[in-house]
Amino acid sequence: MAEATENKNPISSDMIVRDIIIQHPDAAEVLMRVGMGCISCPAALMESLSEACMVHGLDAEEVAQYLNQELELA
């Protein structure tokens, strides 16, 4: 599933959602799979992954770990 990305640095929960998607375009699909269907919302894009997870009742560290696994960054 993971495409080659220019940035192989792991994703952390304090990163801004917009920055994650810019650096790792496939992250958008992974985030939608875990229940974050509103990631294209301008307000959501300015939140950290931790803040976005809190709104959706998700554990930010688990989501970051899942992103890193699915995108082969970890």
PDB file of N, CA and C in Angstrom:
ATOM      1  N   MET A   1       0.813  -1.190   0.000  1.00  0.00           N
ATOM      2  CA  MET A   1       0.000   0.000   0.000  1.00  0.00           C
ATOM      3  C   MET A   1       0.856   1.253   0.000  1.00  0.00           C
ATOM      4  N   ALA A   2       1.949   1.220   0.702  1.00  0.00           N
ATOM      5  CA  ALA A   2       2.773   2.416   0.824  1.00  0.00           C
ATOM      6  C   ALA A   2       3.494   2.692  -0.481  1.00  0.00           C
ATOM      7  N   GLU A   3       3.387   3.923  -0.923  1.00  0.00           N
ATOM      8  CA  GLU A   3       4.137   4.355  -2.086  1.00  0.00           C
ATOM      9  C   GLU A   3       5.434   4.953  -1.594  1.00  0.00           C
ATOM     10  N   ALA A   4       6.407   5.059  -2.482  1.00  0.00           N
ATOM     11  CA  ALA A   4       7.655   5.690  -2.100  1.00  0.00           C
ATOM     12  C   ALA A   4       7.388   7.148  -1.754  1.00  0.00           C
ATOM     13  N   THR A   5       7.857   7.559  -0.615  1.00  0.00           N
ATOM     14  CA  THR A   5       7.706   8.951  -0.212  1.00  0.00           C
ATOM     15  C   THR A   5       9.083   9.557  -0.088  1.00  0.00           C
ATOM     16  N   GLU A   6       9.143  10.872  -0.227  1.00  0.00           N
ATOM     17  CA  GLU A   6      10.418  11.547  -0.123  1.00  0.00           C
ATOM     18  C   GLU A   6      10.899  11.588   1.320  1.00  0.00           C
ATOM     19  N   ASN A   7       9.987  11.670   2.263  1.00  0.00           N
ATOM     20  CA  ASN A   7      10.322  11.810   3.664  1.00  0.00           C
ATOM     21  C   ASN A   7      10.053  10.490   4.370  1.00  0.00           C
ATOM     22  N   LYS A   8      11.085   9.857   4.861  1.00  0.00           N
ATOM     23  CA  LYS A   8      10.923   8.582   5.557  1.00  0.00           C
ATOM     24  C   LYS A   8      10.954   8.760   7.073  1.00  0.00           C
ATOM     25  N   ASN A   9      10.862  10.005   7.565  1.00  0.00           N
ATOM     26  CA  ASN A   9      10.828  10.235   9.002  1.00  0.00           C
ATOM     27  C   ASN A   9       9.505   9.748   9.560  1.00  0.00           C
ATOM     28  N   PRO A  10       9.541   9.090  10.722  1.00  0.00           N
ATOM     29  CA  PRO A  10       8.306   8.595  11.319  1.00  0.00           C
ATOM     30  C   PRO A  10       7.345   9.727  11.677  1.00  0.00           C
ATOM     31  N   ILE A  11       6.074   9.415  11.650  1.00  0.00           N
ATOM     32  CA  ILE A  11       5.018  10.360  12.020  1.00  0.00           C
ATOM     33  C   ILE A  11       4.851  10.307  13.531  1.00  0.00           C
ATOM     34  N   SER A  12       4.697  11.485  14.135  1.00  0.00           N
ATOM     35  CA  SER A  12       4.453  11.559  15.574  1.00  0.00           C
ATOM     36  C   SER A  12       3.135  12.285  15.816  1.00  0.00           C
ATOM     37  N   SER A  13       2.587  12.095  16.984  1.00  0.00           N
ATOM     38  CA  SER A  13       1.270  12.640  17.300  1.00  0.00           C
ATOM     39  C   SER A  13       1.263  14.169  17.403  1.00  0.00           C
ATOM     40  N   ASP A  14       2.417  14.787  17.530  1.00  0.00           N
ATOM     41  CA  ASP A  14       2.449  16.248  17.626  1.00  0.00           C
ATOM     42  C   ASP A  14       2.563  16.933  16.257  1.00  0.00           C
ATOM     43  N   MET A  15       2.651  16.151  15.197  1.00  0.00           N
ATOM     44  CA  MET A  15       2.731  16.726  13.850  1.00  0.00           C
ATOM     45  C   MET A  15       1.372  17.256  13.406  1.00  0.00           C
ATOM     46  N   ILE A  16       1.376  18.306  12.590  1.00  0.00           N
ATOM     47  CA  ILE A  16       0.152  18.888  12.045  1.00  0.00           C
ATOM     48  C   ILE A  16      -0.364  17.965  10.935  1.00  0.00           C
ATOM     49  N   VAL A  17      -1.667  17.710  10.945  1.00  0.00           N
ATOM     50  CA  VAL A  17      -2.268  16.782   9.978  1.00  0.00           C
ATOM     51  C   VAL A  17      -1.933  17.196   8.542  1.00  0.00           C
ATOM     52  N   ARG A  18      -2.020  18.474   8.236  1.00  0.00           N
ATOM     53  CA  ARG A  18      -1.700  18.957   6.885  1.00  0.00           C
ATOM     54  C   ARG A  18      -0.268  18.591   6.496  1.00  0.00           C
ATOM     55  N   ASP A  19       0.670  18.754   7.424  1.00  0.00           N
ATOM     56  CA  ASP A  19       2.067  18.443   7.136  1.00  0.00           C
ATOM     57  C   ASP A  19       2.262  16.944   6.902  1.00  0.00           C
ATOM     58  N   ILE A  20       1.550  16.140   7.682  1.00  0.00           N
ATOM     59  CA  ILE A  20       1.631  14.684   7.493  1.00  0.00           C
ATOM     60  C   ILE A  20       1.176  14.322   6.083  1.00  0.00           C
ATOM     61  N   ILE A  21       0.050  14.906   5.649  1.00  0.00           N
ATOM     62  CA  ILE A  21      -0.505  14.572   4.335  1.00  0.00           C
ATOM     63  C   ILE A  21       0.373  15.102   3.209  1.00  0.00           C
ATOM     64  N   ILE A  22       0.967  16.262   3.399  1.00  0.00           N
ATOM     65  CA  ILE A  22       1.875  16.794   2.374  1.00  0.00           C
ATOM     66  C   ILE A  22       3.104  15.897   2.229  1.00  0.00           C
ATOM     67  N   GLN A  23       3.662  15.464   3.361  1.00  0.00           N
ATOM     68  CA  GLN A  23       4.866  14.634   3.326  1.00  0.00           C
ATOM     69  C   GLN A  23       4.568  13.191   2.919  1.00  0.00           C
ATOM     70  N   HIS A  24       3.354  12.737   3.254  1.00  0.00           N
ATOM     71  CA  HIS A  24       2.966  11.345   3.003  1.00  0.00           C
ATOM     72  C   HIS A  24       1.538  11.317   2.463  1.00  0.00           C
ATOM     73  N   PRO A  25       1.333  11.558   1.176  1.00  0.00           N
ATOM     74  CA  PRO A  25      -0.022  11.634   0.618  1.00  0.00           C
ATOM     75  C   PRO A  25      -0.915  10.429   0.929  1.00  0.00           C
ATOM     76  N   ASP A  26      -0.342   9.237   1.033  1.00  0.00           N
ATOM     77  CA  ASP A  26      -1.142   8.048   1.347  1.00  0.00           C
ATOM     78  C   ASP A  26      -1.700   8.086   2.769  1.00  0.00           C
ATOM     79  N   ALA A  27      -1.195   8.973   3.598  1.00  0.00           N
ATOM     80  CA  ALA A  27      -1.681   9.081   4.978  1.00  0.00           C
ATOM     81  C   ALA A  27      -3.155   9.471   5.014  1.00  0.00           C
ATOM     82  N   ALA A  28      -3.627  10.211   4.028  1.00  0.00           N
ATOM     83  CA  ALA A  28      -5.032  10.624   4.007  1.00  0.00           C
ATOM     84  C   ALA A  28      -5.943   9.403   3.990  1.00  0.00           C
ATOM     85  N   GLU A  29      -5.642   8.433   3.162  1.00  0.00           N
ATOM     86  CA  GLU A  29      -6.454   7.211   3.087  1.00  0.00           C
ATOM     87  C   GLU A  29      -6.390   6.436   4.404  1.00  0.00           C
ATOM     88  N   VAL A  30      -5.215   6.354   4.995  1.00  0.00           N
ATOM     89  CA  VAL A  30      -5.055   5.630   6.256  1.00  0.00           C
ATOM     90  C   VAL A  30      -5.860   6.318   7.358  1.00  0.00           C
ATOM     91  N   LEU A  31      -5.807   7.640   7.409  1.00  0.00           N
ATOM     92  CA  LEU A  31      -6.565   8.380   8.423  1.00  0.00           C
ATOM     93  C   LEU A  31      -8.069   8.178   8.243  1.00  0.00           C
ATOM     94  N   MET A  32      -8.529   8.147   7.009  1.00  0.00           N
ATOM     95  CA  MET A  32      -9.956   7.905   6.776  1.00  0.00           C
ATOM     96  C   MET A  32     -10.357   6.505   7.228  1.00  0.00           C
ATOM     97  N   ARG A  33      -9.460   5.539   7.057  1.00  0.00           N
ATOM     98  CA  ARG A  33      -9.741   4.170   7.489  1.00  0.00           C
ATOM     99  C   ARG A  33      -9.959   4.064   8.996  1.00  0.00           C
ATOM    100  N   VAL A  34      -9.293   4.931   9.769  1.00  0.00           N
ATOM    101  CA  VAL A  34      -9.423   4.861  11.234  1.00  0.00           C
ATOM    102  C   VAL A  34     -10.545   5.745  11.753  1.00  0.00           C
ATOM    103  N   GLY A  35     -11.278   6.395  10.832  1.00  0.00           N
ATOM    104  CA  GLY A  35     -12.440   7.169  11.256  1.00  0.00           C
ATOM    105  C   GLY A  35     -12.313   8.664  11.148  1.00  0.00           C
ATOM    106  N   MET A  36     -11.261   9.151  10.527  1.00  0.00           N
ATOM    107  CA  MET A  36     -11.094  10.593  10.363  1.00  0.00           C
ATOM    108  C   MET A  36     -11.507  10.996   8.955  1.00  0.00           C
ATOM    109  N   GLY A  37     -12.802  10.998   8.713  1.00  0.00           N
ATOM    110  CA  GLY A  37     -13.322  11.325   7.391  1.00  0.00           C
ATOM    111  C   GLY A  37     -13.277  12.797   7.067  1.00  0.00           C
ATOM    112  N   CYS A  38     -13.014  13.625   8.047  1.00  0.00           N
ATOM    113  CA  CYS A  38     -13.047  15.076   7.824  1.00  0.00           C
ATOM    114  C   CYS A  38     -11.651  15.659   7.652  1.00  0.00           C
ATOM    115  N   ILE A  39     -10.695  14.859   7.233  1.00  0.00           N
ATOM    116  CA  ILE A  39      -9.329  15.366   7.153  1.00  0.00           C
ATOM    117  C   ILE A  39      -9.132  16.440   6.092  1.00  0.00           C
ATOM    118  N   SER A  40     -10.066  16.579   5.173  1.00  0.00           N
ATOM    119  CA  SER A  40      -9.929  17.641   4.173  1.00  0.00           C
ATOM    120  C   SER A  40     -10.500  18.967   4.660  1.00  0.00           C
ATOM    121  N   CYS A  41     -11.119  18.962   5.822  1.00  0.00           N
ATOM    122  CA  CYS A  41     -11.667  20.184   6.406  1.00  0.00           C
ATOM    123  C   CYS A  41     -10.512  21.139   6.721  1.00  0.00           C
ATOM    124  N   PRO A  42     -10.606  22.407   6.307  1.00  0.00           N
ATOM    125  CA  PRO A  42      -9.506  23.348   6.565  1.00  0.00           C
ATOM    126  C   PRO A  42      -9.121  23.444   8.041  1.00  0.00           C
ATOM    127  N   ALA A  43     -10.086  23.414   8.934  1.00  0.00           N
ATOM    128  CA  ALA A  43      -9.767  23.496  10.360  1.00  0.00           C
ATOM    129  C   ALA A  43      -9.019  22.252  10.816  1.00  0.00           C
ATOM    130  N   ALA A  44      -9.448  21.085  10.358  1.00  0.00           N
ATOM    131  CA  ALA A  44      -8.810  19.839  10.767  1.00  0.00           C
ATOM    132  C   ALA A  44      -7.372  19.766  10.284  1.00  0.00           C
ATOM    133  N   LEU A  45      -7.108  20.325   9.134  1.00  0.00           N
ATOM    134  CA  LEU A  45      -5.759  20.274   8.583  1.00  0.00           C
ATOM    135  C   LEU A  45      -4.765  21.076   9.407  1.00  0.00           C
ATOM    136  N   MET A  46      -5.247  22.002  10.213  1.00  0.00           N
ATOM    137  CA  MET A  46      -4.364  22.832  11.026  1.00  0.00           C
ATOM    138  C   MET A  46      -4.150  22.262  12.420  1.00  0.00           C
ATOM    139  N   GLU A  47      -4.833  21.169  12.740  1.00  0.00           N
ATOM    140  CA  GLU A  47      -4.692  20.539  14.051  1.00  0.00           C
ATOM    141  C   GLU A  47      -3.519  19.567  14.050  1.00  0.00           C
ATOM    142  N   SER A  48      -2.998  19.331  15.235  1.00  0.00           N
ATOM    143  CA  SER A  48      -2.013  18.258  15.357  1.00  0.00           C
ATOM    144  C   SER A  48      -2.755  16.932  15.258  1.00  0.00           C
ATOM    145  N   LEU A  49      -2.021  15.888  14.989  1.00  0.00           N
ATOM    146  CA  LEU A  49      -2.632  14.566  14.943  1.00  0.00           C
ATOM    147  C   LEU A  49      -3.268  14.252  16.297  1.00  0.00           C
ATOM    148  N   SER A  50      -2.615  14.652  17.360  1.00  0.00           N
ATOM    149  CA  SER A  50      -3.139  14.428  18.704  1.00  0.00           C
ATOM    150  C   SER A  50      -4.481  15.127  18.907  1.00  0.00           C
ATOM    151  N   GLU A  51      -4.579  16.379  18.473  1.00  0.00           N
ATOM    152  CA  GLU A  51      -5.840  17.131  18.611  1.00  0.00           C
ATOM    153  C   GLU A  51      -6.944  16.501  17.764  1.00  0.00           C
ATOM    154  N   ALA A  52      -6.606  16.109  16.549  1.00  0.00           N
ATOM    155  CA  ALA A  52      -7.599  15.495  15.668  1.00  0.00           C
ATOM    156  C   ALA A  52      -8.088  14.165  16.247  1.00  0.00           C
ATOM    157  N   CYS A  53      -7.187  13.391  16.810  1.00  0.00           N
ATOM    158  CA  CYS A  53      -7.571  12.121  17.416  1.00  0.00           C
ATOM    159  C   CYS A  53      -8.478  12.341  18.614  1.00  0.00           C
ATOM    160  N   MET A  54      -8.188  13.359  19.404  1.00  0.00           N
ATOM    161  CA  MET A  54      -9.004  13.645  20.577  1.00  0.00           C
ATOM    162  C   MET A  54     -10.449  13.932  20.167  1.00  0.00           C
ATOM    163  N   VAL A  55     -10.640  14.699  19.102  1.00  0.00           N
ATOM    164  CA  VAL A  55     -11.972  15.023  18.604  1.00  0.00           C
ATOM    165  C   VAL A  55     -12.728  13.758  18.200  1.00  0.00           C
ATOM    166  N   HIS A  56     -12.006  12.777  17.681  1.00  0.00           N
ATOM    167  CA  HIS A  56     -12.622  11.551  17.191  1.00  0.00           C
ATOM    168  C   HIS A  56     -12.582  10.410  18.205  1.00  0.00           C
ATOM    169  N   GLY A  57     -12.100  10.691  19.400  1.00  0.00           N
ATOM    170  CA  GLY A  57     -12.067   9.667  20.427  1.00  0.00           C
ATOM    171  C   GLY A  57     -11.065   8.560  20.156  1.00  0.00           C
ATOM    172  N   LEU A  58      -9.980   8.904  19.487  1.00  0.00           N
ATOM    173  CA  LEU A  58      -8.953   7.917  19.142  1.00  0.00           C
ATOM    174  C   LEU A  58      -7.689   8.181  19.948  1.00  0.00           C
ATOM    175  N   ASP A  59      -6.916   7.149  20.162  1.00  0.00           N
ATOM    176  CA  ASP A  59      -5.634   7.281  20.840  1.00  0.00           C
ATOM    177  C   ASP A  59      -4.591   7.746  19.824  1.00  0.00           C
ATOM    178  N   ALA A  60      -4.036   8.921  20.031  1.00  0.00           N
ATOM    179  CA  ALA A  60      -3.118   9.524  19.069  1.00  0.00           C
ATOM    180  C   ALA A  60      -1.855   8.694  18.862  1.00  0.00           C
ATOM    181  N   GLU A  61      -1.346   8.116  19.922  1.00  0.00           N
ATOM    182  CA  GLU A  61      -0.127   7.315  19.778  1.00  0.00           C
ATOM    183  C   GLU A  61      -0.395   6.053  18.966  1.00  0.00           C
ATOM    184  N   GLU A  62      -1.564   5.449  19.156  1.00  0.00           N
ATOM    185  CA  GLU A  62      -1.924   4.264  18.364  1.00  0.00           C
ATOM    186  C   GLU A  62      -2.102   4.627  16.898  1.00  0.00           C
ATOM    187  N   VAL A  63      -2.718   5.774  16.638  1.00  0.00           N
ATOM    188  CA  VAL A  63      -2.922   6.201  15.248  1.00  0.00           C
ATOM    189  C   VAL A  63      -1.573   6.506  14.600  1.00  0.00           C
ATOM    190  N   ALA A  64      -0.677   7.187  15.308  1.00  0.00           N
ATOM    191  CA  ALA A  64       0.651   7.476  14.764  1.00  0.00           C
ATOM    192  C   ALA A  64       1.394   6.175  14.462  1.00  0.00           C
ATOM    193  N   GLN A  65       1.311   5.224  15.373  1.00  0.00           N
ATOM    194  CA  GLN A  65       1.960   3.934  15.171  1.00  0.00           C
ATOM    195  C   GLN A  65       1.368   3.218  13.945  1.00  0.00           C
ATOM    196  N   TYR A  66       0.046   3.259  13.815  1.00  0.00           N
ATOM    197  CA  TYR A  66      -0.623   2.627  12.677  1.00  0.00           C
ATOM    198  C   TYR A  66      -0.204   3.299  11.363  1.00  0.00           C
ATOM    199  N   LEU A  67      -0.153   4.631  11.351  1.00  0.00           N
ATOM    200  CA  LEU A  67       0.295   5.357  10.164  1.00  0.00           C
ATOM    201  C   LEU A  67       1.705   4.929   9.781  1.00  0.00           C
ATOM    202  N   ASN A  68       2.601   4.901  10.760  1.00  0.00           N
ATOM    203  CA  ASN A  68       3.991   4.527  10.480  1.00  0.00           C
ATOM    204  C   ASN A  68       4.086   3.099   9.946  1.00  0.00           C
ATOM    205  N   GLN A  69       3.270   2.209  10.483  1.00  0.00           N
ATOM    206  CA  GLN A  69       3.267   0.827  10.018  1.00  0.00           C
ATOM    207  C   GLN A  69       2.737   0.741   8.596  1.00  0.00           C
ATOM    208  N   GLU A  70       1.587   1.360   8.342  1.00  0.00           N
ATOM    209  CA  GLU A  70       0.965   1.280   7.017  1.00  0.00           C
ATOM    210  C   GLU A  70       1.784   1.971   5.944  1.00  0.00           C
ATOM    211  N   LEU A  71       2.488   3.038   6.309  1.00  0.00           N
ATOM    212  CA  LEU A  71       3.282   3.782   5.341  1.00  0.00           C
ATOM    213  C   LEU A  71       4.732   3.309   5.310  1.00  0.00           C
ATOM    214  N   GLU A  72       5.013   2.251   6.073  1.00  0.00           N
ATOM    215  CA  GLU A  72       6.355   1.660   6.140  1.00  0.00           C
ATOM    216  C   GLU A  72       7.407   2.680   6.532  1.00  0.00           C
ATOM    217  N   LEU A  73       7.095   3.445   7.587  1.00  0.00           N
ATOM    218  CA  LEU A  73       8.026   4.453   8.082  1.00  0.00           C
ATOM    219  C   LEU A  73       8.705   3.996   9.376  1.00  0.00           C
ATOM    220  N   ALA A  74       8.202   2.944   9.961  1.00  0.00           N
ATOM    221  CA  ALA A  74       8.750   2.483  11.246  1.00  0.00           C
ATOM    222  C   ALA A  74       9.499   1.183  11.069  1.00  0.00           C
TER     223      ALA A  74
END
